[in-house]
Each structure stands twice: as C-alpha cells, then as structure tokens.
Amino acid sequence: MGKHQRKKQVIEEAARLFSAKRFDEVLMDDIAQQAGVGKGTIYTYFADKEELYFAVVFDGISRLNEKLQSKADRQQDPERELKRMVHAIVSFFHQNRFFFRLMSKEDGRSESGKGENRKRWHEQRRIQLAAIETVLRNGVEGGVFAVENPAVEAAILRDMVRSTMIHSGGELSVDEMSDTIMRIFLRGVRKEV
C-alpha cells in the first residue's frame, strides 16, 4: 500500500470513528488500528487529532463542492440545474451521513473559531454558497427566478437541506427530500388554486 493510499485509509477510518463518537472520545490508537497502520504513521500525515478531524471534514466538503461547481457552471435551465444541485447535496449527505454529522457539528463552532482550520472551513462553505448563488443569478438573468438577494437566498436554500436531513428522521428518500425542498423553496407552502 502506497503513502497516498495509507493516508486515504486513515482519513476514511477516522471519518467512521468521528461520526460514531465525540471528538474527545476518538483515540489516535483506535484510528491507527482500524486503518491498519501504526500510530506513528498517522503523525507523519497529520500533526494532531484536530488536523486529522479537519482533513476528514475537508475531504467530504471538497468532493461535494466539486459537484456543485460543475452543476452551477452549466448554462442550461436554471430551475433544472437548481434541482440537480439540491439533489446532489441531499444525495451526498444521505450517502455520507457521517460527513453530514461532522459538518453540522462544525457549523455550530466555525463562526467563532480561530485558526487555519476554521478559516479553511469558512472558505469551503463560501465556495458552496457561491455555487448555489450562481444558479440563482442565472435564473434571474433568464427571467426564471424572482430573487432579491441571491447570497441570502442561497444560504436559506442550503440551510433547508440541512434542516430536512435533520428532521426527516430517515423516513424520506433522497428524491422525496429533494422534492420537498424544491417545492417549498420555489413555490412555498400555499395551496395552488
């Protein structure tokens, strides 16, 4: 197993452990054992447990943001692109529930936190919101959306995804969650006559 593969294995096993336990309950020894490497090997990749924790978070959010950016850059039907984007976010969180829990936890701390990891987290969130905002702006330019404040409305949409994931209780499928979010975001809850 090469260096890159070992590092990837460490991040994957750390993700599983961090999603199952509180940060302070996860031991580097446990991560090393689960990843099949020595504890010293982990420290050649990461200075400490917090750096490893953020590597887990950033790995997940970077993959998600790559998907979002590719969707945002398409010059097609903005409503369809927004639906695809929301579906990609919901699908990602549904398939990677441990990342969702890690990111939800970190959202509560990142605003007041200091240091390089907090700044990096804030930047990843900014990239995600910018991708959503791009689709909203494309919709305004195309006469499809009546968006007054794209930045705020992008944040609202993203927070609707998080809220739906938290409150669905695992009872809704990815499609049902995506459809619910899009129906409320695009049309509201008023009954159509």
Protein backbone atom coordinates (compact mmCIF):
# COMPACT_ATOMS: atom_id res chain seq x y z
CA MET A 1 0.00 0.00 0.00
CA GLY A 2 1.49 3.35 -1.07
CA LYS A 3 1.73 6.50 1.01
CA HIS A 4 -1.27 8.13 -0.67
CA GLN A 5 -3.41 5.02 -0.19
CA ARG A 6 -2.42 4.76 3.50
CA LYS A 7 -3.32 8.41 4.08
CA LYS A 8 -6.67 7.90 2.35
CA GLN A 9 -7.33 4.82 4.50
CA VAL A 10 -6.52 6.82 7.66
CA ILE A 11 -8.97 9.56 6.62
CA GLU A 12 -11.73 7.02 5.83
CA GLU A 13 -11.34 5.20 9.15
CA ALA A 14 -11.11 8.47 11.07
CA ALA A 15 -14.35 9.59 9.39
CA ARG A 16 -16.14 6.48 10.61
CA LEU A 17 -14.88 6.88 14.15
CA PHE A 18 -15.51 10.63 14.37
CA SER A 19 -19.07 10.12 13.13
CA ALA A 20 -19.75 7.47 15.78
CA LYS A 21 -18.16 9.20 18.79
CA ARG A 22 -17.48 12.64 20.16
CA PHE A 23 -14.16 14.18 19.13
CA ASP A 24 -12.63 13.70 22.59
CA GLU A 25 -13.66 10.02 22.68
CA VAL A 26 -11.80 9.14 19.49
CA LEU A 27 -8.26 7.93 20.13
CA MET A 28 -5.47 8.05 17.59
CA ASP A 29 -4.67 4.46 18.63
CA ASP A 30 -8.15 3.38 17.55
CA ILE A 31 -7.82 5.15 14.21
CA ALA A 32 -4.43 3.54 13.61
CA GLN A 33 -5.77 0.09 14.48
CA GLN A 34 -8.84 0.45 12.23
CA ALA A 35 -6.72 1.81 9.36
CA GLY A 36 -4.16 -0.97 9.77
CA VAL A 37 -1.23 1.40 10.29
CA GLY A 38 0.99 2.36 13.19
CA LYS A 39 0.14 5.44 15.23
CA GLY A 40 3.44 6.98 14.16
CA THR A 41 2.33 6.69 10.54
CA ILE A 42 -0.71 8.85 11.26
CA TYR A 43 1.52 11.52 12.76
CA THR A 44 3.62 11.61 9.59
CA TYR A 45 0.46 12.80 7.79
CA PHE A 46 -1.27 14.85 10.49
CA ALA A 47 0.24 16.94 13.31
CA ASP A 48 -2.55 16.08 15.76
CA LYS A 49 -6.09 14.77 16.07
CA GLU A 50 -7.68 18.12 15.22
CA GLU A 51 -5.77 18.31 11.95
CA LEU A 52 -6.95 14.79 11.09
CA TYR A 53 -10.51 15.71 12.05
CA PHE A 54 -10.48 18.66 9.69
CA ALA A 55 -8.90 16.57 6.93
CA VAL A 56 -11.98 14.34 7.19
CA VAL A 57 -14.32 17.32 7.01
CA PHE A 58 -12.47 18.99 4.15
CA ASP A 59 -12.27 15.78 2.14
CA GLY A 60 -16.05 15.48 2.21
CA ILE A 61 -16.89 19.10 1.61
CA SER A 62 -14.36 19.40 -1.24
CA ARG A 63 -15.91 16.47 -3.09
CA LEU A 64 -19.37 17.94 -2.63
CA ASN A 65 -18.26 21.40 -3.74
CA GLU A 66 -16.68 20.00 -6.92
CA LYS A 67 -20.06 18.52 -7.83
CA LEU A 68 -21.86 21.76 -7.03
CA GLN A 69 -19.49 23.93 -9.03
CA SER A 70 -19.78 21.73 -12.10
CA LYS A 71 -23.56 21.98 -11.87
CA ALA A 72 -23.53 25.74 -11.26
CA ASP A 73 -21.37 26.43 -14.30
CA ARG A 74 -23.76 24.79 -16.74
CA GLN A 75 -25.71 27.26 -18.86
CA GLN A 76 -28.98 25.34 -19.05
CA ASP A 77 -32.41 25.65 -17.49
CA PRO A 78 -31.69 27.29 -14.08
CA GLU A 79 -34.60 25.59 -12.32
CA ARG A 80 -33.47 22.18 -13.55
CA GLU A 81 -29.88 22.96 -12.53
CA LEU A 82 -31.00 24.09 -9.07
CA LYS A 83 -32.97 20.86 -8.68
CA ARG A 84 -29.93 18.82 -9.75
CA MET A 85 -27.75 20.75 -7.33
CA VAL A 86 -30.11 20.22 -4.40
CA HIS A 87 -30.40 16.56 -5.32
CA ALA A 88 -26.58 16.29 -5.37
CA ILE A 89 -26.32 17.86 -1.90
CA VAL A 90 -29.05 15.70 -0.41
CA SER A 91 -27.70 12.58 -2.09
CA PHE A 92 -24.19 13.28 -0.86
CA PHE A 93 -25.35 13.79 2.72
CA HIS A 94 -27.62 10.76 2.54
CA GLN A 95 -24.78 8.54 1.31
CA ASN A 96 -22.24 10.12 3.66
CA ARG A 97 -24.21 10.66 6.83
CA PHE A 98 -21.02 10.77 8.89
CA PHE A 99 -19.85 13.80 6.88
CA PHE A 100 -23.23 15.42 7.41
CA ARG A 101 -22.93 14.97 11.18
CA LEU A 102 -19.36 16.25 11.17
CA MET A 103 -20.26 19.29 9.09
CA SER A 104 -23.38 20.05 11.10
CA LYS A 105 -21.35 19.91 14.29
CA GLU A 106 -18.64 22.11 12.83
CA ASP A 107 -21.16 24.67 11.55
CA GLY A 108 -22.01 25.49 15.15
CA ARG A 109 -18.39 26.14 16.02
CA SER A 110 -16.83 27.56 12.88
CA GLU A 111 -18.16 31.08 13.15
CA SER A 112 -16.41 31.80 16.43
CA GLY A 113 -13.37 29.59 15.92
CA LYS A 114 -9.91 30.81 15.11
CA GLY A 115 -7.02 29.27 13.30
CA GLU A 116 -6.26 27.87 9.89
CA ASN A 117 -8.78 25.03 10.02
CA ARG A 118 -11.67 27.33 10.89
CA LYS A 119 -10.68 29.72 8.09
CA ARG A 120 -10.46 26.83 5.64
CA TRP A 121 -13.89 25.56 6.72
CA HIS A 122 -15.36 29.02 6.24
CA GLU A 123 -13.83 29.18 2.74
CA GLN A 124 -15.32 25.79 1.78
CA ARG A 125 -18.74 26.97 2.93
CA ARG A 126 -18.29 30.17 0.89
CA ILE A 127 -17.49 28.12 -2.23
CA GLN A 128 -20.64 26.05 -1.68
CA LEU A 129 -22.83 29.10 -1.28
CA ALA A 130 -21.27 30.77 -4.32
CA ALA A 131 -22.17 27.74 -6.46
CA ILE A 132 -25.81 27.93 -5.33
CA GLU A 133 -25.82 31.70 -5.80
CA THR A 134 -24.54 31.31 -9.38
CA VAL A 135 -27.54 29.18 -10.30
CA LEU A 136 -29.91 31.67 -8.67
CA ARG A 137 -28.32 34.57 -10.57
CA ASN A 138 -28.53 32.58 -13.84
CA GLY A 139 -32.23 32.13 -13.11
CA VAL A 140 -32.73 35.84 -12.55
CA GLU A 141 -30.90 36.68 -15.79
CA GLY A 142 -33.01 34.11 -17.63
CA GLY A 143 -36.25 35.52 -16.22
CA VAL A 144 -37.00 32.28 -14.35
CA PHE A 145 -36.40 33.33 -10.71
CA ALA A 146 -37.51 36.40 -8.77
CA VAL A 147 -34.55 36.52 -6.41
CA GLU A 148 -33.98 39.74 -4.50
CA ASN A 149 -30.85 38.82 -2.56
CA PRO A 150 -29.02 35.86 -4.15
CA ALA A 151 -26.48 35.48 -1.33
CA VAL A 152 -29.12 35.32 1.40
CA GLU A 153 -31.44 33.11 -0.61
CA ALA A 154 -28.58 30.72 -1.43
CA ALA A 155 -27.87 30.41 2.30
CA ILE A 156 -31.56 29.79 3.01
CA LEU A 157 -31.69 27.03 0.41
CA ARG A 158 -28.57 25.36 1.77
CA ASP A 159 -29.96 25.56 5.30
CA MET A 160 -33.21 23.99 4.09
CA VAL A 161 -31.18 20.96 3.02
CA ARG A 162 -29.58 20.69 6.44
CA SER A 163 -32.92 21.11 8.21
CA THR A 164 -34.58 18.48 6.02
CA MET A 165 -31.79 16.00 6.71
CA ILE A 166 -32.08 16.57 10.46
CA HIS A 167 -35.86 16.45 10.69
CA SER A 168 -36.75 13.78 8.13
CA GLY A 169 -35.81 11.08 10.63
CA GLY A 170 -34.62 8.82 7.85
CA GLU A 171 -38.22 8.39 6.69
CA LEU A 172 -37.86 10.22 3.38
CA SER A 173 -35.89 9.07 0.36
CA VAL A 174 -33.35 11.31 -1.37
CA ASP A 175 -35.91 12.12 -4.06
CA GLU A 176 -38.62 12.91 -1.50
CA MET A 177 -36.30 15.20 0.46
CA SER A 178 -35.12 16.96 -2.71
CA ASP A 179 -38.68 17.37 -4.00
CA THR A 180 -39.87 18.77 -0.66
CA ILE A 181 -37.04 21.29 -0.50
CA MET A 182 -37.56 22.43 -4.08
CA ARG A 183 -41.34 22.66 -3.74
CA ILE A 184 -41.08 24.86 -0.67
CA PHE A 185 -38.16 26.93 -1.98
CA LEU A 186 -39.66 27.54 -5.42
CA ARG A 187 -43.39 27.58 -4.69
CA GLY A 188 -43.85 27.96 -0.92
CA VAL A 189 -46.43 26.03 1.04
CA ARG A 190 -49.50 27.90 -0.22
CA LYS A 191 -52.01 25.62 -1.90
CA GLU A 192 -52.25 26.25 -5.62
CA VAL A 193 -55.76 27.03 -6.84
